[in-house]
Amino acid sequence: MKFECKKCGNVLTKEVVSNPVNIELNQSDGVDLLPKGFTVNNSGWGNEQWVINLCDNKNMVRTDDPSRLNGCCGADGCDGMNLVCNNCSNYVATERSDCWMPWHIILSNEETSKNT
């Protein structure tokens, strides 16, 4: 499956697979939370949000709003969505890539849709 921007239809992610077997999430700091090419739907993070590896980002870029780009080594995502669609600039996801957390992207359910 791929995820698209609900506002303009731009494909935001590479092809990812929702693994029917539980993927073991790596909770260590400074490493990928899940392997490339996979997605998980985690209701524990609010509204059953889809999570992808940073490398599966295709058409999302960081916002130019510095108030949403806090972090010392990357983006911590603590100040709201920080990734926008590179086509229409709609906020679509939150990158979490700082040194003190596992790295991943959380896609917004309100602003993205699955294309299977």
N, C-alpha and C. Protein backbone atom coordinates (compact mmCIF):
# COMPACT_ATOMS: atom_id res chain seq x y z
N MET A 1 0.83 -1.17 0.00
CA MET A 1 0.00 0.00 0.00
C MET A 1 0.88 1.24 0.00
N LYS A 2 0.30 2.33 -0.46
CA LYS A 2 0.95 3.64 -0.41
C LYS A 2 -0.02 4.59 0.27
N PHE A 3 0.49 5.71 0.75
CA PHE A 3 -0.35 6.71 1.38
C PHE A 3 -0.31 7.97 0.53
N GLU A 4 -1.45 8.64 0.44
CA GLU A 4 -1.61 9.83 -0.38
C GLU A 4 -2.07 11.01 0.46
N CYS A 5 -1.79 12.20 -0.03
CA CYS A 5 -2.29 13.43 0.57
C CYS A 5 -3.78 13.54 0.24
N LYS A 6 -4.62 13.72 1.25
CA LYS A 6 -6.06 13.84 1.01
C LYS A 6 -6.41 15.13 0.27
N LYS A 7 -5.58 16.15 0.41
CA LYS A 7 -5.88 17.44 -0.20
C LYS A 7 -5.64 17.43 -1.71
N CYS A 8 -4.51 16.83 -2.17
CA CYS A 8 -4.17 16.91 -3.60
C CYS A 8 -3.98 15.55 -4.27
N GLY A 9 -3.95 14.46 -3.51
CA GLY A 9 -3.77 13.13 -4.09
C GLY A 9 -2.34 12.73 -4.36
N ASN A 10 -1.38 13.55 -4.01
CA ASN A 10 0.04 13.25 -4.21
C ASN A 10 0.42 12.01 -3.40
N VAL A 11 1.14 11.08 -4.01
CA VAL A 11 1.63 9.89 -3.31
C VAL A 11 2.75 10.31 -2.37
N LEU A 12 2.59 10.03 -1.07
CA LEU A 12 3.52 10.50 -0.05
C LEU A 12 4.56 9.48 0.37
N THR A 13 4.27 8.19 0.16
CA THR A 13 5.17 7.14 0.65
C THR A 13 5.53 6.17 -0.46
N LYS A 14 6.61 5.48 -0.24
CA LYS A 14 6.94 4.35 -1.09
C LYS A 14 5.96 3.23 -0.77
N GLU A 15 6.00 2.16 -1.52
CA GLU A 15 5.16 0.99 -1.25
C GLU A 15 5.57 0.39 0.09
N VAL A 16 4.60 0.21 0.99
CA VAL A 16 4.85 -0.41 2.28
C VAL A 16 3.85 -1.53 2.50
N VAL A 17 4.25 -2.47 3.35
CA VAL A 17 3.42 -3.64 3.64
C VAL A 17 3.04 -3.61 5.10
N SER A 18 1.75 -3.80 5.34
CA SER A 18 1.30 -3.96 6.71
C SER A 18 1.47 -5.42 7.05
N ASN A 19 2.48 -5.71 7.85
CA ASN A 19 2.84 -7.08 8.16
C ASN A 19 1.76 -7.73 9.04
N PRO A 20 1.16 -8.83 8.59
CA PRO A 20 0.14 -9.48 9.40
C PRO A 20 0.69 -10.09 10.68
N VAL A 21 1.97 -10.36 10.72
CA VAL A 21 2.63 -10.87 11.93
C VAL A 21 3.17 -9.65 12.67
N ASN A 22 3.08 -9.66 13.95
CA ASN A 22 3.56 -8.51 14.71
C ASN A 22 5.03 -8.23 14.42
N ILE A 23 5.30 -7.02 13.98
CA ILE A 23 6.68 -6.57 13.80
C ILE A 23 7.20 -6.18 15.18
N GLU A 24 8.40 -6.62 15.50
CA GLU A 24 8.98 -6.19 16.76
C GLU A 24 9.54 -4.79 16.57
N LEU A 25 8.96 -3.85 17.28
CA LEU A 25 9.41 -2.47 17.18
C LEU A 25 10.66 -2.28 18.02
N ASN A 26 11.66 -1.60 17.45
CA ASN A 26 12.91 -1.34 18.14
C ASN A 26 12.76 -0.02 18.90
N GLN A 27 12.66 -0.09 20.20
CA GLN A 27 12.44 1.09 21.03
C GLN A 27 13.74 1.79 21.44
N SER A 28 14.87 1.40 20.86
CA SER A 28 16.16 2.00 21.20
C SER A 28 16.27 3.40 20.61
N ASP A 29 17.00 4.25 21.27
CA ASP A 29 17.21 5.61 20.80
C ASP A 29 18.14 5.63 19.58
N GLY A 30 17.84 6.51 18.63
CA GLY A 30 18.72 6.73 17.50
C GLY A 30 18.75 5.65 16.45
N VAL A 31 17.74 4.80 16.40
CA VAL A 31 17.66 3.75 15.37
C VAL A 31 16.24 3.70 14.83
N ASP A 32 16.06 3.02 13.70
CA ASP A 32 14.74 2.88 13.10
C ASP A 32 13.80 2.10 14.01
N LEU A 33 12.60 2.62 14.19
CA LEU A 33 11.58 1.94 15.00
C LEU A 33 11.12 0.65 14.34
N LEU A 34 10.99 0.68 13.02
CA LEU A 34 10.56 -0.50 12.28
C LEU A 34 11.34 -0.59 10.98
N PRO A 35 11.41 -1.77 10.37
CA PRO A 35 12.20 -1.94 9.15
C PRO A 35 11.62 -1.17 7.96
N LYS A 36 12.48 -0.84 7.01
CA LYS A 36 12.04 -0.22 5.76
C LYS A 36 11.04 -1.13 5.07
N GLY A 37 10.06 -0.51 4.42
CA GLY A 37 9.10 -1.25 3.62
C GLY A 37 7.91 -1.77 4.38
N PHE A 38 7.86 -1.52 5.68
CA PHE A 38 6.74 -1.98 6.50
C PHE A 38 6.03 -0.80 7.16
N THR A 39 4.79 -1.01 7.50
CA THR A 39 4.02 -0.03 8.26
C THR A 39 3.29 -0.76 9.37
N VAL A 40 3.05 -0.06 10.45
CA VAL A 40 2.24 -0.60 11.54
C VAL A 40 1.15 0.41 11.85
N ASN A 41 0.04 -0.10 12.29
CA ASN A 41 -1.08 0.73 12.71
C ASN A 41 -1.16 0.60 14.21
N ASN A 42 -0.82 1.66 14.90
CA ASN A 42 -0.70 1.59 16.35
C ASN A 42 -1.75 2.46 17.02
N SER A 43 -2.80 1.85 17.54
CA SER A 43 -3.86 2.61 18.21
C SER A 43 -3.39 3.23 19.53
N GLY A 44 -2.30 2.74 20.07
CA GLY A 44 -1.76 3.30 21.31
C GLY A 44 -1.21 4.70 21.13
N TRP A 45 -1.01 5.13 19.88
CA TRP A 45 -0.47 6.46 19.62
C TRP A 45 -1.56 7.43 19.20
N GLY A 46 -2.80 7.04 19.37
CA GLY A 46 -3.92 7.93 19.08
C GLY A 46 -4.51 7.69 17.71
N ASN A 47 -5.78 7.44 17.67
CA ASN A 47 -6.54 7.32 16.43
C ASN A 47 -6.00 6.30 15.45
N GLU A 48 -5.41 5.23 15.94
CA GLU A 48 -4.89 4.16 15.08
C GLU A 48 -4.04 4.71 13.93
N GLN A 49 -3.05 5.48 14.26
CA GLN A 49 -2.21 6.12 13.25
C GLN A 49 -1.24 5.13 12.61
N TRP A 50 -0.98 5.32 11.33
CA TRP A 50 -0.01 4.51 10.60
C TRP A 50 1.38 5.08 10.82
N VAL A 51 2.35 4.20 11.00
CA VAL A 51 3.74 4.57 11.26
C VAL A 51 4.60 3.92 10.19
N ILE A 52 5.55 4.69 9.64
CA ILE A 52 6.47 4.18 8.61
C ILE A 52 7.91 4.51 8.98
N ASN A 53 8.83 3.85 8.31
CA ASN A 53 10.26 4.12 8.43
C ASN A 53 10.57 5.44 7.72
N LEU A 54 11.55 6.18 8.20
CA LEU A 54 11.95 7.43 7.56
C LEU A 54 12.30 7.23 6.08
N CYS A 55 12.90 6.09 5.74
CA CYS A 55 13.32 5.82 4.37
C CYS A 55 12.15 5.58 3.42
N ASP A 56 10.94 5.37 3.94
CA ASP A 56 9.77 5.15 3.10
C ASP A 56 9.04 6.43 2.76
N ASN A 57 9.59 7.56 3.15
CA ASN A 57 9.08 8.87 2.76
C ASN A 57 9.40 9.10 1.29
N LYS A 58 8.39 9.48 0.52
CA LYS A 58 8.62 9.72 -0.91
C LYS A 58 8.44 11.20 -1.26
N ASN A 59 7.36 11.81 -0.83
CA ASN A 59 7.05 13.18 -1.24
C ASN A 59 6.62 14.08 -0.09
N MET A 60 7.25 13.88 1.06
CA MET A 60 7.01 14.76 2.20
C MET A 60 8.32 15.48 2.51
N VAL A 61 8.21 16.76 2.85
CA VAL A 61 9.37 17.56 3.22
C VAL A 61 9.10 18.26 4.54
N ARG A 62 10.16 18.63 5.21
CA ARG A 62 9.99 19.35 6.47
C ARG A 62 9.39 20.72 6.21
N THR A 63 8.55 21.14 7.15
CA THR A 63 7.96 22.47 7.11
C THR A 63 9.04 23.54 7.20
N ASP A 64 8.69 24.74 6.78
CA ASP A 64 9.63 25.85 6.96
C ASP A 64 9.29 26.65 8.23
N ASP A 65 8.36 26.15 9.02
CA ASP A 65 7.98 26.78 10.29
C ASP A 65 8.94 26.30 11.38
N PRO A 66 9.88 27.14 11.82
CA PRO A 66 10.88 26.70 12.79
C PRO A 66 10.29 26.28 14.14
N SER A 67 9.09 26.74 14.48
CA SER A 67 8.50 26.37 15.76
C SER A 67 8.08 24.90 15.80
N ARG A 68 8.04 24.24 14.64
CA ARG A 68 7.69 22.82 14.58
C ARG A 68 8.91 21.93 14.33
N LEU A 69 10.09 22.51 14.34
CA LEU A 69 11.30 21.76 14.01
C LEU A 69 12.27 21.66 15.18
N ASN A 70 11.75 21.58 16.38
CA ASN A 70 12.61 21.46 17.55
C ASN A 70 13.27 20.09 17.60
N GLY A 71 14.43 20.06 18.22
CA GLY A 71 15.23 18.85 18.36
C GLY A 71 16.69 19.23 18.30
N CYS A 72 17.53 18.39 18.87
CA CYS A 72 18.96 18.73 18.86
C CYS A 72 19.70 18.09 17.69
N CYS A 73 19.32 16.89 17.30
CA CYS A 73 20.02 16.17 16.23
C CYS A 73 19.10 15.86 15.05
N GLY A 74 17.83 16.05 15.24
CA GLY A 74 16.82 15.78 14.23
C GLY A 74 15.54 16.46 14.66
N ALA A 75 14.43 16.02 14.14
CA ALA A 75 13.13 16.58 14.51
C ALA A 75 12.52 15.72 15.62
N ASP A 76 12.10 16.37 16.73
CA ASP A 76 11.53 15.56 17.81
C ASP A 76 10.02 15.36 17.66
N GLY A 77 9.36 16.18 16.87
CA GLY A 77 7.93 16.00 16.63
C GLY A 77 7.05 16.38 17.80
N CYS A 78 7.60 16.98 18.82
CA CYS A 78 6.82 17.31 20.01
C CYS A 78 5.94 18.55 19.83
N ASP A 79 6.12 19.27 18.74
CA ASP A 79 5.37 20.50 18.52
C ASP A 79 4.41 20.39 17.34
N GLY A 80 3.91 19.20 17.11
CA GLY A 80 2.92 19.00 16.05
C GLY A 80 3.54 18.50 14.76
N MET A 81 2.68 18.36 13.77
CA MET A 81 3.14 17.85 12.48
C MET A 81 4.23 18.75 11.92
N ASN A 82 5.26 18.12 11.35
CA ASN A 82 6.40 18.87 10.83
C ASN A 82 6.75 18.48 9.39
N LEU A 83 5.95 17.58 8.79
CA LEU A 83 6.15 17.21 7.39
C LEU A 83 4.95 17.67 6.58
N VAL A 84 5.24 18.24 5.41
CA VAL A 84 4.19 18.71 4.51
C VAL A 84 4.29 17.99 3.18
N CYS A 85 3.19 17.92 2.46
CA CYS A 85 3.17 17.39 1.10
C CYS A 85 4.01 18.30 0.22
N ASN A 86 4.91 17.73 -0.57
CA ASN A 86 5.78 18.57 -1.40
C ASN A 86 5.04 19.17 -2.60
N ASN A 87 3.79 18.77 -2.80
CA ASN A 87 2.99 19.31 -3.90
C ASN A 87 2.12 20.48 -3.47
N CYS A 88 1.42 20.35 -2.33
CA CYS A 88 0.45 21.38 -1.93
C CYS A 88 0.76 22.03 -0.58
N SER A 89 1.81 21.60 0.10
CA SER A 89 2.25 22.14 1.40
C SER A 89 1.27 21.87 2.54
N ASN A 90 0.38 20.91 2.38
CA ASN A 90 -0.54 20.50 3.43
C ASN A 90 0.24 19.71 4.49
N TYR A 91 0.03 20.01 5.77
CA TYR A 91 0.65 19.23 6.84
C TYR A 91 0.07 17.82 6.81
N VAL A 92 0.95 16.80 6.72
CA VAL A 92 0.49 15.42 6.55
C VAL A 92 1.06 14.41 7.55
N ALA A 93 2.15 14.74 8.25
CA ALA A 93 2.80 13.74 9.10
C ALA A 93 3.73 14.40 10.10
N THR A 94 4.19 13.55 11.03
CA THR A 94 5.15 13.99 12.04
C THR A 94 6.39 13.12 11.96
N GLU A 95 7.51 13.75 11.69
CA GLU A 95 8.80 13.04 11.72
C GLU A 95 9.34 13.08 13.14
N ARG A 96 9.79 11.94 13.61
CA ARG A 96 10.43 11.83 14.91
C ARG A 96 11.81 11.20 14.66
N SER A 97 12.84 12.04 14.64
CA SER A 97 14.18 11.58 14.25
C SER A 97 15.29 12.14 15.13
N ASP A 98 14.94 12.55 16.33
CA ASP A 98 15.97 13.08 17.22
C ASP A 98 16.76 11.95 17.88
N CYS A 99 17.87 12.27 18.48
CA CYS A 99 18.78 11.26 19.03
C CYS A 99 18.23 10.51 20.23
N TRP A 100 17.26 11.06 20.91
CA TRP A 100 16.75 10.46 22.14
C TRP A 100 15.47 9.64 21.94
N MET A 101 15.24 9.20 20.72
CA MET A 101 14.02 8.44 20.42
C MET A 101 14.27 7.49 19.26
N PRO A 102 13.42 6.46 19.12
CA PRO A 102 13.48 5.65 17.90
C PRO A 102 12.93 6.46 16.73
N TRP A 103 13.51 6.30 15.55
CA TRP A 103 13.16 7.12 14.38
C TRP A 103 11.97 6.54 13.63
N HIS A 104 11.04 7.40 13.25
CA HIS A 104 9.86 6.99 12.50
C HIS A 104 9.07 8.21 12.03
N ILE A 105 8.08 7.96 11.19
CA ILE A 105 7.14 8.97 10.74
C ILE A 105 5.74 8.49 11.09
N ILE A 106 4.97 9.38 11.70
CA ILE A 106 3.58 9.09 12.04
C ILE A 106 2.70 9.86 11.05
N LEU A 107 1.93 9.14 10.26
CA LEU A 107 1.07 9.76 9.26
C LEU A 107 -0.23 10.23 9.88
N SER A 108 -0.70 11.40 9.47
CA SER A 108 -1.95 11.95 9.98
C SER A 108 -3.14 11.23 9.35
N ASN A 109 -4.04 10.71 10.16
CA ASN A 109 -5.25 10.08 9.64
C ASN A 109 -6.17 11.08 8.96
N GLU A 110 -6.16 12.32 9.43
CA GLU A 110 -7.03 13.34 8.88
C GLU A 110 -6.54 13.85 7.52
N GLU A 111 -5.23 13.79 7.29
CA GLU A 111 -4.66 14.41 6.09
C GLU A 111 -4.09 13.42 5.07
N THR A 112 -4.08 12.13 5.41
CA THR A 112 -3.57 11.11 4.46
C THR A 112 -4.59 10.00 4.31
N SER A 113 -4.48 9.29 3.20
CA SER A 113 -5.35 8.13 2.98
C SER A 113 -4.53 7.01 2.37
N LYS A 114 -4.99 5.76 2.61
CA LYS A 114 -4.31 4.59 2.07
C LYS A 114 -4.76 4.37 0.63
N ASN A 115 -3.80 3.95 -0.18
CA ASN A 115 -4.07 3.54 -1.56
C ASN A 115 -3.52 2.12 -1.68
N THR A 116 -4.42 1.13 -1.66
CA THR A 116 -3.96 -0.26 -1.70
C THR A 116 -3.99 -0.84 -3.08
